Amino acid sequence: MAQVFTIITESEDYRPYRLTFVRANYGSFPKLTKVERQQGNGRTVSWLRHDNACHGELPGMVVQAIALHKDSVRTAR
Protein backbone atom coordinates (compact mmCIF):
# COMPACT_ATOMS: atom_id res chain seq x y z
CA MET A 1 0.00 0.00 0.00
CA ALA A 2 1.45 3.36 -1.01
CA GLN A 3 1.92 6.06 1.60
CA VAL A 4 1.42 9.75 0.83
CA PHE A 5 3.14 12.57 2.74
CA THR A 6 2.34 16.26 2.31
CA ILE A 7 4.78 18.92 3.53
CA ILE A 8 4.23 22.68 3.44
CA THR A 9 7.29 24.95 3.19
CA GLU A 10 7.96 28.59 2.31
CA SER A 11 10.07 30.24 -0.37
CA GLU A 12 12.27 33.31 0.02
CA ASP A 13 9.29 35.60 -0.53
CA TYR A 14 7.22 33.75 2.14
CA ARG A 15 4.92 32.13 -0.41
CA PRO A 16 3.76 28.71 0.82
CA TYR A 17 4.53 25.65 -1.30
CA ARG A 18 2.96 22.23 -0.77
CA LEU A 19 5.16 19.20 -1.58
CA THR A 20 3.54 15.79 -2.01
CA PHE A 21 5.71 12.68 -1.71
CA VAL A 22 4.66 9.06 -2.32
CA ARG A 23 6.55 5.96 -1.19
CA ALA A 24 5.80 2.29 -1.72
CA ASN A 25 6.52 1.14 1.84
CA TYR A 26 8.59 1.96 4.94
CA GLY A 27 12.23 2.57 4.04
CA SER A 28 11.73 2.91 0.30
CA PHE A 29 12.83 6.08 -1.46
CA PRO A 30 9.99 8.62 -1.81
CA LYS A 31 9.04 10.13 -5.14
CA LEU A 32 8.07 13.80 -5.40
CA THR A 33 4.76 13.67 -7.25
CA LYS A 34 3.35 17.17 -6.95
CA VAL A 35 4.53 20.70 -6.17
CA GLU A 36 1.82 23.30 -5.60
CA ARG A 37 2.02 26.96 -4.70
CA GLN A 38 -0.57 28.91 -2.77
CA GLN A 39 -2.56 31.52 -4.65
CA GLY A 40 -4.99 33.86 -2.95
CA ASN A 41 -6.81 37.12 -3.40
CA GLY A 42 -7.39 37.94 0.26
CA ARG A 43 -10.72 36.16 0.59
CA THR A 44 -10.16 32.76 -0.95
CA VAL A 45 -7.04 30.62 -1.03
CA SER A 46 -6.34 27.90 -3.57
CA TRP A 47 -3.39 25.68 -4.43
CA LEU A 48 -2.09 25.74 -8.02
CA ARG A 49 0.19 23.10 -9.46
CA HIS A 50 3.68 24.56 -10.01
CA ASP A 51 4.76 24.33 -13.63
CA ASN A 52 8.32 25.31 -14.58
CA ALA A 53 7.21 26.36 -18.05
CA CYS A 54 4.72 28.89 -16.66
CA HIS A 55 6.19 29.90 -13.29
CA GLY A 56 9.92 29.52 -13.85
CA GLU A 57 12.31 27.46 -11.78
CA LEU A 58 11.53 26.60 -8.17
CA PRO A 59 12.94 29.03 -5.60
CA GLY A 60 16.17 27.94 -3.89
CA MET A 61 14.63 27.43 -0.46
CA VAL A 62 12.00 25.08 -1.91
CA VAL A 63 14.69 23.02 -3.68
CA GLN A 64 16.55 22.75 -0.36
CA ALA A 65 13.34 21.71 1.40
CA ILE A 66 12.77 18.95 -1.17
CA ALA A 67 16.25 17.55 -0.55
CA LEU A 68 15.86 17.83 3.22
CA HIS A 69 12.43 16.21 3.41
CA LYS A 70 13.16 13.39 0.96
CA ASP A 71 15.32 11.68 3.57
CA SER A 72 12.97 12.40 6.49
CA VAL A 73 9.98 11.02 4.55
CA ARG A 74 11.96 7.87 3.79
CA THR A 75 12.36 7.07 7.51
CA ALA A 76 9.00 8.43 8.74
CA ARG A 77 6.53 5.97 10.20
C-alpha atoms as a PDB file:
ATOM      1  CA  MET A   1       0.000   0.000   0.000  1.00  0.00           C
ATOM      2  CA  ALA A   2       1.452   3.359  -1.007  1.00  0.00           C
ATOM      3  CA  GLN A   3       1.923   6.062   1.601  1.00  0.00           C
ATOM      4  CA  VAL A   4       1.417   9.751   0.831  1.00  0.00           C
ATOM      5  CA  PHE A   5       3.140  12.569   2.742  1.00  0.00           C
ATOM      6  CA  THR A   6       2.340  16.264   2.308  1.00  0.00           C
ATOM      7  CA  ILE A   7       4.777  18.922   3.528  1.00  0.00           C
ATOM      8  CA  ILE A   8       4.233  22.683   3.443  1.00  0.00           C
ATOM      9  CA  THR A   9       7.288  24.947   3.188  1.00  0.00           C
ATOM     10  CA  GLU A  10       7.958  28.589   2.307  1.00  0.00           C
ATOM     11  CA  SER A  11      10.067  30.242  -0.371  1.00  0.00           C
ATOM     12  CA  GLU A  12      12.269  33.314   0.025  1.00  0.00           C
ATOM     13  CA  ASP A  13       9.293  35.598  -0.530  1.00  0.00           C
ATOM     14  CA  TYR A  14       7.222  33.747   2.137  1.00  0.00           C
ATOM     15  CA  ARG A  15       4.922  32.133  -0.412  1.00  0.00           C
ATOM     16  CA  PRO A  16       3.761  28.705   0.823  1.00  0.00           C
ATOM     17  CA  TYR A  17       4.532  25.650  -1.305  1.00  0.00           C
ATOM     18  CA  ARG A  18       2.963  22.229  -0.771  1.00  0.00           C
ATOM     19  CA  LEU A  19       5.159  19.204  -1.579  1.00  0.00           C
ATOM     20  CA  THR A  20       3.538  15.787  -2.011  1.00  0.00           C
ATOM     21  CA  PHE A  21       5.713  12.681  -1.710  1.00  0.00           C
ATOM     22  CA  VAL A  22       4.657   9.059  -2.317  1.00  0.00           C
ATOM     23  CA  ARG A  23       6.548   5.956  -1.193  1.00  0.00           C
ATOM     24  CA  ALA A  24       5.798   2.285  -1.721  1.00  0.00           C
ATOM     25  CA  ASN A  25       6.519   1.143   1.843  1.00  0.00           C
ATOM     26  CA  TYR A  26       8.592   1.964   4.937  1.00  0.00           C
ATOM     27  CA  GLY A  27      12.234   2.568   4.045  1.00  0.00           C
ATOM     28  CA  SER A  28      11.731   2.912   0.297  1.00  0.00           C
ATOM     29  CA  PHE A  29      12.826   6.082  -1.461  1.00  0.00           C
ATOM     30  CA  PRO A  30       9.989   8.617  -1.810  1.00  0.00           C
ATOM     31  CA  LYS A  31       9.038  10.134  -5.143  1.00  0.00           C
ATOM     32  CA  LEU A  32       8.065  13.795  -5.397  1.00  0.00           C
ATOM     33  CA  THR A  33       4.765  13.669  -7.251  1.00  0.00           C
ATOM     34  CA  LYS A  34       3.349  17.173  -6.949  1.00  0.00           C
ATOM     35  CA  VAL A  35       4.533  20.701  -6.170  1.00  0.00           C
ATOM     36  CA  GLU A  36       1.823  23.296  -5.600  1.00  0.00           C
ATOM     37  CA  ARG A  37       2.017  26.960  -4.704  1.00  0.00           C
ATOM     38  CA  GLN A  38      -0.565  28.910  -2.772  1.00  0.00           C
ATOM     39  CA  GLN A  39      -2.563  31.523  -4.648  1.00  0.00           C
ATOM     40  CA  GLY A  40      -4.988  33.861  -2.952  1.00  0.00           C
ATOM     41  CA  ASN A  41      -6.812  37.122  -3.405  1.00  0.00           C
ATOM     42  CA  GLY A  42      -7.389  37.945   0.260  1.00  0.00           C
ATOM     43  CA  ARG A  43     -10.725  36.161   0.590  1.00  0.00           C
ATOM     44  CA  THR A  44     -10.156  32.761  -0.951  1.00  0.00           C
ATOM     45  CA  VAL A  45      -7.044  30.615  -1.031  1.00  0.00           C
ATOM     46  CA  SER A  46      -6.335  27.903  -3.572  1.00  0.00           C
ATOM     47  CA  TRP A  47      -3.387  25.675  -4.434  1.00  0.00           C
ATOM     48  CA  LEU A  48      -2.094  25.736  -8.022  1.00  0.00           C
ATOM     49  CA  ARG A  49       0.193  23.105  -9.463  1.00  0.00           C
ATOM     50  CA  HIS A  50       3.676  24.559 -10.010  1.00  0.00           C
ATOM     51  CA  ASP A  51       4.763  24.331 -13.631  1.00  0.00           C
ATOM     52  CA  ASN A  52       8.324  25.312 -14.576  1.00  0.00           C
ATOM     53  CA  ALA A  53       7.205  26.360 -18.055  1.00  0.00           C
ATOM     54  CA  CYS A  54       4.723  28.893 -16.655  1.00  0.00           C
ATOM     55  CA  HIS A  55       6.186  29.905 -13.295  1.00  0.00           C
ATOM     56  CA  GLY A  56       9.922  29.522 -13.853  1.00  0.00           C
ATOM     57  CA  GLU A  57      12.311  27.457 -11.775  1.00  0.00           C
ATOM     58  CA  LEU A  58      11.527  26.595  -8.171  1.00  0.00           C
ATOM     59  CA  PRO A  59      12.943  29.029  -5.595  1.00  0.00           C
ATOM     60  CA  GLY A  60      16.171  27.937  -3.888  1.00  0.00           C
ATOM     61  CA  MET A  61      14.632  27.426  -0.457  1.00  0.00           C
ATOM     62  CA  VAL A  62      11.999  25.078  -1.913  1.00  0.00           C
ATOM     63  CA  VAL A  63      14.691  23.023  -3.683  1.00  0.00           C
ATOM     64  CA  GLN A  64      16.550  22.754  -0.356  1.00  0.00           C
ATOM     65  CA  ALA A  65      13.339  21.710   1.404  1.00  0.00           C
ATOM     66  CA  ILE A  66      12.766  18.949  -1.167  1.00  0.00           C
ATOM     67  CA  ALA A  67      16.254  17.555  -0.549  1.00  0.00           C
ATOM     68  CA  LEU A  68      15.856  17.833   3.219  1.00  0.00           C
ATOM     69  CA  HIS A  69      12.431  16.209   3.415  1.00  0.00           C
ATOM     70  CA  LYS A  70      13.155  13.389   0.961  1.00  0.00           C
ATOM     71  CA  ASP A  71      15.322  11.678   3.572  1.00  0.00           C
ATOM     72  CA  SER A  72      12.973  12.396   6.494  1.00  0.00           C
ATOM     73  CA  VAL A  73       9.981  11.024   4.550  1.00  0.00           C
ATOM     74  CA  ARG A  74      11.964   7.867   3.791  1.00  0.00           C
ATOM     75  CA  THR A  75      12.358   7.068   7.508  1.00  0.00           C
ATOM     76  CA  ALA A  76       8.995   8.431   8.741  1.00  0.00           C
ATOM     77  CA  ARG A  77       6.525   5.969  10.195  1.00  0.00           C
END
